[in-house]
Amino acid sequence: MWRQGARDRAGIAVINPATGVLARYYHRYAAYLAANGFDVLTYDYRGIGASRPESLRGCRYRWQDWGTQDFDAALRYAAAEAPGARLLVVGHSIGGYLPGLSPHARQITRLLTVGGQYGYWRDYDRAKRAGLFFKWNIAMPALTALYGYFPGKRLGWLEDLPAGVVSEWSFRRARMELAHRPEERAEILARFAAVTAPILAVTLTDDEFATPRAIARTLRYYRNAAREAVRLRPDDLGHENIGHFGLFHARHAADFWPATLAWLSGGENPWPHRLMEVQG
């Protein structure tokens, strides 16, 4: 955890990783936020990195656990460590969806999502959908059935993943609440509806996962929050390509990272010329 003195604190930010991405990937961005006045908490979801058990074989950890338990614990810890401070969340990919699962998400002050979506295959970029479907919805569950977990690291496909996460991702349906037991669905929808923190959702034209359709599908669940979504082109940030995982790389310390301060500090969308419509 990166800390500032209470007098100088701009707020405390919790960084939610993408699926299969280690918390340490975000440490340079966390250090950047800390240098600009924020306390920052990073953490690994259960089954990943520093939160990985001795063996993943047969582990049934799910995205649901990451949101209802892991993120919720991180949020409560942040609130206890900085009483009265603004609670900010930066969520990458699945990390932008998980806050709505937390019983304490109503405490969030402001939310920045980067490629924030929950992995429904029909939302993949149309030109690449067939290949992505084969990789993540056929090959991944098949390998998981063989090994008892997804051996992503040896394949160069993210980190190893628990079987429960793979099951949720590979067999996700259009309505996310259907991944939960029938008796849980009303409560899950109510948690998303309880979030009133303003949300800025950022995606890129070369993000094959977080398409406008995927962003809108996720944001609709946060129905009582003020929501803005922007779709950037890589050349808006001076690059030829960036993709789904690139914006937290240190190469963006001089372009994307400073722009995020406008939102996290003051709620100002730094890209109003790139707004896209969010319905619902």
Protein backbone atom coordinates (compact mmCIF):
# COMPACT_ATOMS: atom_id res chain seq x y z
CA MET A 1 0.00 0.00 0.00
CA TRP A 2 1.31 3.42 -0.99
CA ARG A 3 0.54 6.10 1.62
CA GLN A 4 0.31 9.87 1.89
CA GLY A 5 0.10 11.99 5.03
CA ALA A 6 -3.51 12.56 6.09
CA ARG A 7 -3.18 16.31 5.58
CA ASP A 8 -2.05 15.89 1.97
CA ARG A 9 -4.26 12.95 1.04
CA ALA A 10 -6.33 13.33 -2.14
CA GLY A 11 -8.27 10.16 -1.36
CA ILE A 12 -7.58 6.45 -1.20
CA ALA A 13 -7.69 4.44 -4.40
CA VAL A 14 -8.23 0.68 -4.68
CA ILE A 15 -6.90 -0.83 -7.92
CA ASN A 16 -8.78 -3.88 -9.21
CA PRO A 17 -6.75 -5.99 -11.66
CA ALA A 18 -7.95 -7.65 -14.83
CA THR A 19 -8.54 -11.40 -14.85
CA GLY A 20 -5.24 -13.27 -14.68
CA VAL A 21 -3.11 -10.14 -14.24
CA LEU A 22 -0.86 -9.77 -11.21
CA ALA A 23 -1.30 -6.81 -8.87
CA ARG A 24 2.36 -5.94 -9.38
CA TYR A 25 1.61 -4.96 -12.99
CA TYR A 26 -0.23 -1.94 -11.56
CA HIS A 27 2.45 -0.95 -9.05
CA ARG A 28 4.03 1.72 -11.24
CA TYR A 29 0.63 3.34 -11.77
CA ALA A 30 -0.06 3.03 -8.04
CA ALA A 31 3.25 4.75 -7.29
CA TYR A 32 2.29 7.48 -9.76
CA LEU A 33 -1.01 8.08 -7.96
CA ALA A 34 0.78 8.12 -4.62
CA ALA A 35 3.21 10.73 -5.92
CA ASN A 36 0.14 12.83 -6.75
CA GLY A 37 -1.44 12.74 -3.32
CA PHE A 38 -3.38 9.47 -3.10
CA ASP A 39 -3.12 6.54 -0.78
CA VAL A 40 -3.28 3.46 -3.01
CA LEU A 41 -4.13 -0.17 -2.29
CA THR A 42 -3.27 -2.98 -4.70
CA TYR A 43 -4.04 -6.64 -4.13
CA ASP A 44 -4.26 -10.02 -5.86
CA TYR A 45 -7.58 -11.84 -6.11
CA ARG A 46 -7.72 -15.28 -4.52
CA GLY A 47 -5.99 -17.83 -6.72
CA ILE A 48 -3.72 -15.22 -8.35
CA GLY A 49 -0.16 -14.09 -7.51
CA ALA A 50 0.40 -13.50 -3.80
CA SER A 51 -3.09 -14.88 -3.08
CA ARG A 52 -2.49 -18.18 -4.87
CA PRO A 53 -2.73 -21.36 -2.78
CA GLU A 54 -0.05 -24.03 -2.91
CA SER A 55 -2.12 -25.89 -5.50
CA LEU A 56 -4.78 -24.52 -7.83
CA ARG A 57 -5.93 -27.93 -8.92
CA GLY A 58 -9.64 -28.24 -8.18
CA CYS A 59 -9.99 -24.72 -6.74
CA ARG A 60 -13.48 -23.41 -7.39
CA TYR A 61 -12.79 -19.72 -6.74
CA ARG A 62 -15.06 -17.61 -8.93
CA TRP A 63 -15.38 -14.06 -10.18
CA GLN A 64 -18.26 -13.87 -7.71
CA ASP A 65 -15.80 -14.50 -4.85
CA TRP A 66 -13.45 -11.83 -6.18
CA GLY A 67 -16.22 -9.24 -5.99
CA THR A 68 -18.30 -10.24 -2.98
CA GLN A 69 -15.32 -11.15 -0.80
CA ASP A 70 -11.93 -9.99 -2.11
CA PHE A 71 -12.86 -6.55 -3.43
CA ASP A 72 -15.29 -6.05 -0.58
CA ALA A 73 -12.49 -6.78 1.92
CA ALA A 74 -10.15 -4.38 0.10
CA LEU A 75 -12.79 -1.65 0.15
CA ARG A 76 -13.51 -2.11 3.85
CA TYR A 77 -9.78 -2.12 4.62
CA ALA A 78 -9.28 1.10 2.66
CA ALA A 79 -12.16 2.77 4.50
CA ALA A 80 -10.73 1.72 7.87
CA GLU A 81 -7.21 2.88 6.97
CA ALA A 82 -8.35 6.32 5.83
CA PRO A 83 -11.52 7.26 7.76
CA GLY A 84 -13.40 10.05 6.05
CA ALA A 85 -11.25 9.98 2.91
CA ARG A 86 -12.79 9.70 -0.54
CA LEU A 87 -12.91 6.05 -1.65
CA LEU A 88 -11.87 5.76 -5.28
CA VAL A 89 -11.73 2.64 -7.41
CA VAL A 90 -9.73 2.03 -10.58
CA GLY A 91 -11.00 -1.15 -12.21
CA HIS A 92 -9.30 -2.82 -15.17
CA SER A 93 -11.39 -5.20 -17.29
CA ILE A 94 -13.28 -7.50 -14.88
CA GLY A 95 -12.09 -5.12 -12.15
CA GLY A 96 -14.58 -2.54 -13.38
CA TYR A 97 -17.45 -4.98 -13.02
CA LEU A 98 -16.58 -6.48 -9.63
CA PRO A 99 -17.38 -3.40 -7.48
CA GLY A 100 -21.10 -3.88 -8.10
CA LEU A 101 -20.92 -7.27 -6.37
CA SER A 102 -19.66 -5.78 -3.10
CA PRO A 103 -22.12 -5.35 -0.22
CA HIS A 104 -20.30 -2.09 0.62
CA ALA A 105 -20.03 -0.62 -2.89
CA ARG A 106 -22.33 2.25 -1.97
CA GLN A 107 -19.35 3.70 -0.05
CA ILE A 108 -17.38 4.33 -3.27
CA THR A 109 -16.93 8.01 -4.09
CA ARG A 110 -15.79 7.74 -7.71
CA LEU A 111 -15.05 4.91 -10.13
CA LEU A 112 -12.72 4.79 -13.14
CA THR A 113 -13.01 1.69 -15.32
CA VAL A 114 -10.51 0.84 -18.04
CA GLY A 115 -11.82 -1.74 -20.48
CA GLY A 116 -14.39 -2.57 -17.80
CA GLN A 117 -16.61 -5.50 -18.83
CA TYR A 118 -17.44 -9.03 -17.77
CA GLY A 119 -16.44 -11.26 -20.63
CA TYR A 120 -19.55 -12.13 -22.60
CA TRP A 121 -18.35 -13.63 -25.88
CA ARG A 122 -20.92 -11.98 -28.16
CA ASP A 123 -19.43 -8.64 -27.15
CA TYR A 124 -15.96 -9.50 -28.49
CA ASP A 125 -14.83 -7.49 -31.49
CA ARG A 126 -16.72 -8.90 -34.47
CA ALA A 127 -13.67 -9.28 -36.68
CA LYS A 128 -11.83 -11.31 -34.02
CA ARG A 129 -14.78 -13.00 -32.33
CA ALA A 130 -14.31 -16.47 -33.80
CA GLY A 131 -10.66 -16.68 -32.73
CA LEU A 132 -11.36 -15.28 -29.28
CA PHE A 133 -14.29 -17.63 -28.80
CA PHE A 134 -12.13 -20.64 -29.67
CA LYS A 135 -9.34 -19.49 -27.34
CA TRP A 136 -11.36 -18.49 -24.28
CA ASN A 137 -14.62 -20.42 -24.62
CA ILE A 138 -13.41 -23.73 -26.06
CA ALA A 139 -9.66 -24.21 -25.49
CA MET A 140 -9.57 -22.65 -22.02
CA PRO A 141 -12.36 -24.79 -20.45
CA ALA A 142 -11.02 -27.90 -22.20
CA LEU A 143 -7.55 -27.39 -20.75
CA THR A 144 -9.07 -26.62 -17.37
CA ALA A 145 -10.98 -29.90 -17.41
CA LEU A 146 -7.71 -31.70 -18.20
CA TYR A 147 -5.51 -30.02 -15.58
CA GLY A 148 -8.02 -29.07 -12.88
CA TYR A 149 -7.11 -25.39 -13.37
CA PHE A 150 -6.21 -23.26 -16.38
CA PRO A 151 -2.42 -23.42 -17.02
CA GLY A 152 -2.38 -19.99 -18.63
CA LYS A 153 1.13 -19.03 -17.57
CA ARG A 154 2.87 -21.84 -19.44
CA LEU A 155 0.86 -20.95 -22.55
CA GLY A 156 1.56 -17.22 -22.26
CA TRP A 157 -2.20 -16.65 -21.84
CA LEU A 158 -2.33 -14.56 -18.67
CA GLU A 159 -1.68 -16.17 -15.27
CA ASP A 160 -3.00 -19.56 -14.20
CA LEU A 161 -6.68 -19.37 -13.30
CA PRO A 162 -8.92 -21.28 -10.87
CA ALA A 163 -11.47 -23.59 -12.46
CA GLY A 164 -14.39 -21.58 -11.07
CA VAL A 165 -13.24 -18.39 -12.80
CA VAL A 166 -12.82 -20.30 -16.05
CA SER A 167 -16.34 -21.71 -15.76
CA GLU A 168 -17.86 -18.26 -15.23
CA TRP A 169 -15.91 -16.75 -18.13
CA SER A 170 -16.34 -19.57 -20.63
CA PHE A 171 -20.06 -20.05 -20.06
CA ARG A 172 -21.10 -16.46 -19.33
CA ARG A 173 -24.55 -15.52 -20.61
CA ALA A 174 -25.80 -12.12 -21.72
CA ARG A 175 -27.36 -11.36 -18.32
CA MET A 176 -24.66 -11.49 -15.70
CA GLU A 177 -27.10 -12.23 -12.86
CA LEU A 178 -27.73 -15.65 -14.40
CA ALA A 179 -24.26 -16.68 -13.20
CA HIS A 180 -25.68 -16.55 -9.66
CA ARG A 181 -28.13 -18.88 -7.98
CA PRO A 182 -31.78 -17.83 -8.43
CA GLU A 183 -32.15 -16.87 -4.77
CA GLU A 184 -29.09 -14.54 -5.04
CA ARG A 185 -30.03 -12.62 -8.18
CA ALA A 186 -32.27 -9.94 -6.69
CA GLU A 187 -29.62 -9.11 -4.08
CA ILE A 188 -26.85 -8.87 -6.71
CA LEU A 189 -28.92 -6.52 -8.87
CA ALA A 190 -29.73 -4.43 -5.79
CA ARG A 191 -26.02 -4.08 -4.99
CA PHE A 192 -25.28 -2.70 -8.43
CA ALA A 193 -28.27 -0.37 -8.15
CA ALA A 194 -26.98 0.88 -4.78
CA VAL A 195 -23.84 2.32 -6.41
CA THR A 196 -24.30 6.06 -6.85
CA ALA A 197 -20.63 6.98 -7.39
CA PRO A 198 -19.99 8.70 -10.75
CA ILE A 199 -18.36 6.35 -13.26
CA LEU A 200 -16.02 7.15 -16.13
CA ALA A 201 -15.60 4.13 -18.39
CA VAL A 202 -12.64 4.21 -20.78
CA THR A 203 -12.04 1.89 -23.70
CA LEU A 204 -10.02 1.94 -26.92
CA THR A 205 -10.84 1.43 -30.56
CA ASP A 206 -8.31 -1.44 -30.67
CA ASP A 207 -9.62 -3.20 -27.55
CA GLU A 208 -10.98 -6.52 -28.80
CA PHE A 209 -12.71 -7.33 -25.49
CA ALA A 210 -14.12 -4.03 -24.23
CA THR A 211 -16.12 -3.02 -27.28
CA PRO A 212 -18.78 -0.30 -26.97
CA ARG A 213 -21.37 -3.06 -26.66
CA ALA A 214 -19.45 -4.69 -23.80
CA ILE A 215 -18.97 -1.38 -21.98
CA ALA A 216 -22.64 -0.48 -22.29
CA ARG A 217 -23.79 -3.93 -21.15
CA THR A 218 -21.78 -3.58 -17.94
CA LEU A 219 -22.65 0.04 -17.22
CA ARG A 220 -26.37 -0.65 -17.48
CA TYR A 221 -26.20 -2.56 -14.20
CA TYR A 222 -24.93 0.58 -12.44
CA ARG A 223 -28.27 2.18 -13.23
CA ASN A 224 -28.30 4.75 -10.41
CA ALA A 225 -24.79 6.07 -11.04
CA ALA A 226 -23.93 9.00 -13.29
CA ARG A 227 -22.12 7.24 -16.14
CA GLU A 228 -19.88 8.57 -18.87
CA ALA A 229 -18.08 6.39 -21.39
CA VAL A 230 -15.27 7.40 -23.74
CA ARG A 231 -13.70 5.45 -26.57
CA LEU A 232 -10.17 6.61 -27.28
CA ARG A 233 -8.07 6.03 -30.35
CA PRO A 234 -4.46 5.01 -29.72
CA ASP A 235 -3.29 8.11 -31.58
CA ASP A 236 -5.18 10.27 -29.05
CA LEU A 237 -2.38 9.22 -26.71
CA GLY A 238 0.38 9.31 -29.30
CA HIS A 239 0.57 5.56 -29.98
CA GLU A 240 -0.17 3.30 -32.95
CA ASN A 241 -1.72 0.54 -30.85
CA ILE A 242 -2.51 -0.08 -27.19
CA GLY A 243 -5.10 -2.85 -26.82
CA HIS A 244 -6.92 -4.20 -23.79
CA PHE A 245 -3.97 -4.51 -21.43
CA GLY A 246 -1.72 -1.61 -22.38
CA LEU A 247 -2.84 1.51 -20.52
CA PHE A 248 -1.23 0.59 -17.20
CA HIS A 249 2.19 0.06 -18.79
CA ALA A 250 4.81 2.66 -17.89
CA ARG A 251 4.87 3.89 -21.50
CA HIS A 252 1.64 5.72 -20.65
CA ALA A 253 3.06 7.57 -17.65
CA ALA A 254 3.20 10.76 -19.69
CA ASP A 255 -0.17 10.56 -21.46
CA PHE A 256 -2.95 8.38 -20.01
CA TRP A 257 -1.88 8.43 -16.37
CA PRO A 258 -1.88 12.23 -15.94
CA ALA A 259 -5.27 12.45 -17.63
CA THR A 260 -6.79 10.04 -15.09
CA LEU A 261 -5.95 12.50 -12.31
CA ALA A 262 -8.55 14.92 -13.67
CA TRP A 263 -11.25 12.34 -13.03
CA LEU A 264 -9.98 10.87 -9.79
CA SER A 265 -9.24 14.25 -8.22
CA GLY A 266 -12.06 16.40 -9.49
CA GLY A 267 -14.55 14.30 -11.47
CA GLU A 268 -13.59 15.94 -14.78
CA ASN A 269 -13.75 13.83 -17.93
CA PRO A 270 -10.47 14.63 -19.75
CA TRP A 271 -11.79 13.32 -23.09
CA PRO A 272 -15.21 14.94 -23.66
CA HIS A 273 -14.63 14.82 -27.42
CA ARG A 274 -14.58 11.00 -27.26
CA LEU A 275 -17.88 10.45 -25.46
CA MET A 276 -19.98 7.52 -26.58
CA GLU A 277 -23.61 6.85 -25.80
CA VAL A 278 -24.53 4.63 -22.89
CA GLN A 279 -28.16 3.52 -22.88
CA GLY A 280 -30.22 2.19 -20.00
